[in-house]
Amino acid sequence: MQSIHGRNVLNLIKEQEQALSRPDLLMAMSHEFGAEGRFHTCSVKDMTSEQLICLFLEKGKIEEVDNLIQ
């Protein structure tokens, strides 16, 4: 299975017309990259979609405001 770079997920978020809830983002990621998709960044490898979202939140790459990812 090929690993997907996290920037592809950031691009997916940017392409959305409105902010997504975490479950909706996870569903969009599953639809776009496959239910078993694994992700990496320059510093971390072999993450699930949930782990990638948590990493991006910790690093300030995305925000969760009123339960919506933006």
N, C-alpha and C. Protein backbone atom coordinates (compact mmCIF):
# COMPACT_ATOMS: atom_id res chain seq x y z
N MET A 1 0.84 -1.19 0.00
CA MET A 1 0.00 0.00 0.00
C MET A 1 0.89 1.25 0.00
N GLN A 2 0.55 2.17 -0.84
CA GLN A 2 1.31 3.40 -0.97
C GLN A 2 0.89 4.39 0.11
N SER A 3 1.85 5.08 0.68
CA SER A 3 1.58 6.10 1.70
C SER A 3 1.26 7.43 1.01
N ILE A 4 0.31 8.15 1.58
CA ILE A 4 -0.15 9.43 1.02
C ILE A 4 0.45 10.56 1.84
N HIS A 5 1.02 11.54 1.18
CA HIS A 5 1.60 12.68 1.90
C HIS A 5 0.50 13.54 2.49
N GLY A 6 0.73 14.02 3.69
CA GLY A 6 -0.24 14.84 4.40
C GLY A 6 -0.68 16.09 3.64
N ARG A 7 0.18 16.62 2.80
CA ARG A 7 -0.20 17.83 2.05
C ARG A 7 -1.40 17.56 1.14
N ASN A 8 -1.57 16.31 0.72
CA ASN A 8 -2.74 15.96 -0.08
C ASN A 8 -4.02 16.13 0.72
N VAL A 9 -3.95 15.85 2.00
CA VAL A 9 -5.11 16.04 2.88
C VAL A 9 -5.35 17.53 3.10
N LEU A 10 -4.29 18.30 3.29
CA LEU A 10 -4.46 19.75 3.43
C LEU A 10 -5.11 20.33 2.18
N ASN A 11 -4.71 19.84 1.01
CA ASN A 11 -5.32 20.30 -0.25
C ASN A 11 -6.79 19.90 -0.30
N LEU A 12 -7.11 18.70 0.16
CA LEU A 12 -8.50 18.25 0.19
C LEU A 12 -9.33 19.16 1.07
N ILE A 13 -8.79 19.55 2.22
CA ILE A 13 -9.51 20.45 3.13
C ILE A 13 -9.73 21.81 2.46
N LYS A 14 -8.71 22.32 1.80
CA LYS A 14 -8.81 23.63 1.13
C LYS A 14 -9.84 23.62 0.01
N GLU A 15 -10.00 22.47 -0.65
CA GLU A 15 -10.94 22.36 -1.77
C GLU A 15 -12.41 22.37 -1.34
N GLN A 16 -12.66 22.13 -0.07
CA GLN A 16 -14.03 22.06 0.41
C GLN A 16 -14.67 23.44 0.40
N GLU A 17 -15.95 23.48 0.07
CA GLU A 17 -16.67 24.76 0.02
C GLU A 17 -16.98 25.29 1.41
N GLN A 18 -16.98 24.40 2.40
CA GLN A 18 -17.24 24.83 3.78
C GLN A 18 -16.43 23.94 4.71
N ALA A 19 -16.30 24.39 5.96
CA ALA A 19 -15.57 23.62 6.95
C ALA A 19 -16.30 22.30 7.21
N LEU A 20 -15.54 21.27 7.56
CA LEU A 20 -16.10 19.94 7.79
C LEU A 20 -15.96 19.54 9.25
N SER A 21 -16.91 18.77 9.73
CA SER A 21 -16.75 18.15 11.04
C SER A 21 -15.67 17.08 10.92
N ARG A 22 -15.13 16.65 12.04
CA ARG A 22 -14.10 15.61 11.98
C ARG A 22 -14.64 14.33 11.32
N PRO A 23 -15.84 13.84 11.69
CA PRO A 23 -16.35 12.65 11.00
C PRO A 23 -16.52 12.85 9.49
N ASP A 24 -16.96 14.04 9.09
CA ASP A 24 -17.10 14.31 7.65
C ASP A 24 -15.75 14.36 6.95
N LEU A 25 -14.73 14.91 7.62
CA LEU A 25 -13.39 14.93 7.05
C LEU A 25 -12.85 13.52 6.92
N LEU A 26 -13.04 12.70 7.95
CA LEU A 26 -12.58 11.32 7.89
C LEU A 26 -13.27 10.57 6.73
N MET A 27 -14.55 10.83 6.53
CA MET A 27 -15.28 10.21 5.43
C MET A 27 -14.73 10.69 4.09
N ALA A 28 -14.45 11.99 3.97
CA ALA A 28 -13.90 12.53 2.72
C ALA A 28 -12.52 11.93 2.44
N MET A 29 -11.71 11.78 3.49
CA MET A 29 -10.39 11.18 3.32
C MET A 29 -10.52 9.72 2.88
N SER A 30 -11.44 8.99 3.47
CA SER A 30 -11.66 7.60 3.11
C SER A 30 -12.10 7.49 1.66
N HIS A 31 -13.00 8.38 1.26
CA HIS A 31 -13.49 8.37 -0.12
C HIS A 31 -12.37 8.71 -1.10
N GLU A 32 -11.57 9.71 -0.76
CA GLU A 32 -10.51 10.18 -1.67
C GLU A 32 -9.30 9.24 -1.71
N PHE A 33 -8.90 8.72 -0.54
CA PHE A 33 -7.64 7.98 -0.45
C PHE A 33 -7.80 6.51 -0.09
N GLY A 34 -9.03 6.05 0.14
CA GLY A 34 -9.27 4.66 0.50
C GLY A 34 -9.41 4.50 2.00
N ALA A 35 -10.24 3.55 2.38
CA ALA A 35 -10.54 3.32 3.80
C ALA A 35 -9.30 2.90 4.59
N GLU A 36 -8.37 2.25 3.94
CA GLU A 36 -7.16 1.77 4.63
C GLU A 36 -5.96 2.66 4.35
N GLY A 37 -6.20 3.87 3.87
CA GLY A 37 -5.10 4.78 3.53
C GLY A 37 -4.18 5.04 4.71
N ARG A 38 -2.89 5.07 4.44
CA ARG A 38 -1.88 5.42 5.44
C ARG A 38 -1.23 6.70 4.97
N PHE A 39 -0.79 7.50 5.92
CA PHE A 39 -0.31 8.85 5.62
C PHE A 39 1.06 9.09 6.22
N HIS A 40 1.76 10.05 5.62
CA HIS A 40 3.06 10.46 6.16
C HIS A 40 3.24 11.96 5.96
N THR A 41 4.15 12.51 6.74
CA THR A 41 4.62 13.88 6.55
C THR A 41 6.14 13.79 6.46
N CYS A 42 6.79 14.92 6.43
CA CYS A 42 8.25 14.89 6.37
C CYS A 42 8.85 14.30 7.66
N SER A 43 8.12 14.41 8.77
CA SER A 43 8.68 13.97 10.05
C SER A 43 8.05 12.71 10.63
N VAL A 44 6.87 12.30 10.16
CA VAL A 44 6.18 11.14 10.74
C VAL A 44 5.67 10.25 9.62
N LYS A 45 5.78 8.93 9.83
CA LYS A 45 5.34 7.97 8.81
C LYS A 45 4.29 7.04 9.38
N ASP A 46 3.57 6.38 8.47
CA ASP A 46 2.64 5.31 8.79
C ASP A 46 1.55 5.72 9.79
N MET A 47 0.83 6.80 9.45
CA MET A 47 -0.26 7.28 10.31
C MET A 47 -1.61 6.92 9.72
N THR A 48 -2.58 6.73 10.61
CA THR A 48 -3.96 6.60 10.17
C THR A 48 -4.49 8.01 9.88
N SER A 49 -5.66 8.08 9.31
CA SER A 49 -6.26 9.40 9.03
C SER A 49 -6.49 10.17 10.33
N GLU A 50 -6.95 9.49 11.37
CA GLU A 50 -7.19 10.14 12.66
C GLU A 50 -5.88 10.67 13.25
N GLN A 51 -4.82 9.88 13.17
CA GLN A 51 -3.52 10.32 13.69
C GLN A 51 -3.01 11.54 12.92
N LEU A 52 -3.22 11.55 11.61
CA LEU A 52 -2.78 12.69 10.80
C LEU A 52 -3.54 13.95 11.19
N ILE A 53 -4.85 13.85 11.37
CA ILE A 53 -5.63 15.01 11.78
C ILE A 53 -5.13 15.53 13.13
N CYS A 54 -4.90 14.63 14.08
CA CYS A 54 -4.39 15.05 15.39
C CYS A 54 -3.04 15.74 15.27
N LEU A 55 -2.15 15.21 14.43
CA LEU A 55 -0.85 15.84 14.22
C LEU A 55 -1.01 17.24 13.64
N PHE A 56 -1.86 17.39 12.63
CA PHE A 56 -2.07 18.70 12.03
C PHE A 56 -2.68 19.68 13.03
N LEU A 57 -3.55 19.22 13.89
CA LEU A 57 -4.11 20.10 14.92
C LEU A 57 -3.02 20.53 15.89
N GLU A 58 -2.19 19.60 16.33
CA GLU A 58 -1.09 19.90 17.26
C GLU A 58 -0.11 20.90 16.65
N LYS A 59 0.19 20.74 15.37
CA LYS A 59 1.17 21.59 14.68
C LYS A 59 0.58 22.91 14.21
N GLY A 60 -0.75 23.09 14.35
CA GLY A 60 -1.37 24.33 13.93
C GLY A 60 -1.59 24.43 12.42
N LYS A 61 -1.50 23.31 11.72
CA LYS A 61 -1.74 23.31 10.27
C LYS A 61 -3.22 23.47 9.96
N ILE A 62 -4.07 22.96 10.87
CA ILE A 62 -5.51 23.12 10.76
C ILE A 62 -6.05 23.50 12.14
N GLU A 63 -7.27 24.00 12.18
CA GLU A 63 -7.92 24.36 13.44
C GLU A 63 -9.27 23.65 13.51
N GLU A 64 -9.70 23.40 14.74
CA GLU A 64 -11.03 22.88 14.95
C GLU A 64 -11.78 23.92 15.77
N VAL A 65 -12.74 24.59 15.13
CA VAL A 65 -13.52 25.65 15.77
C VAL A 65 -14.99 25.26 15.68
N ASP A 66 -15.66 25.26 16.82
CA ASP A 66 -17.07 24.86 16.86
C ASP A 66 -17.27 23.50 16.19
N ASN A 67 -16.35 22.56 16.49
CA ASN A 67 -16.38 21.20 15.96
C ASN A 67 -16.25 21.12 14.45
N LEU A 68 -15.69 22.15 13.83
CA LEU A 68 -15.45 22.15 12.38
C LEU A 68 -13.97 22.35 12.09
N ILE A 69 -13.46 21.56 11.17
CA ILE A 69 -12.06 21.65 10.76
C ILE A 69 -11.94 22.73 9.69
N GLN A 70 -10.95 23.61 9.88
CA GLN A 70 -10.70 24.64 8.87
C GLN A 70 -9.22 24.94 8.79
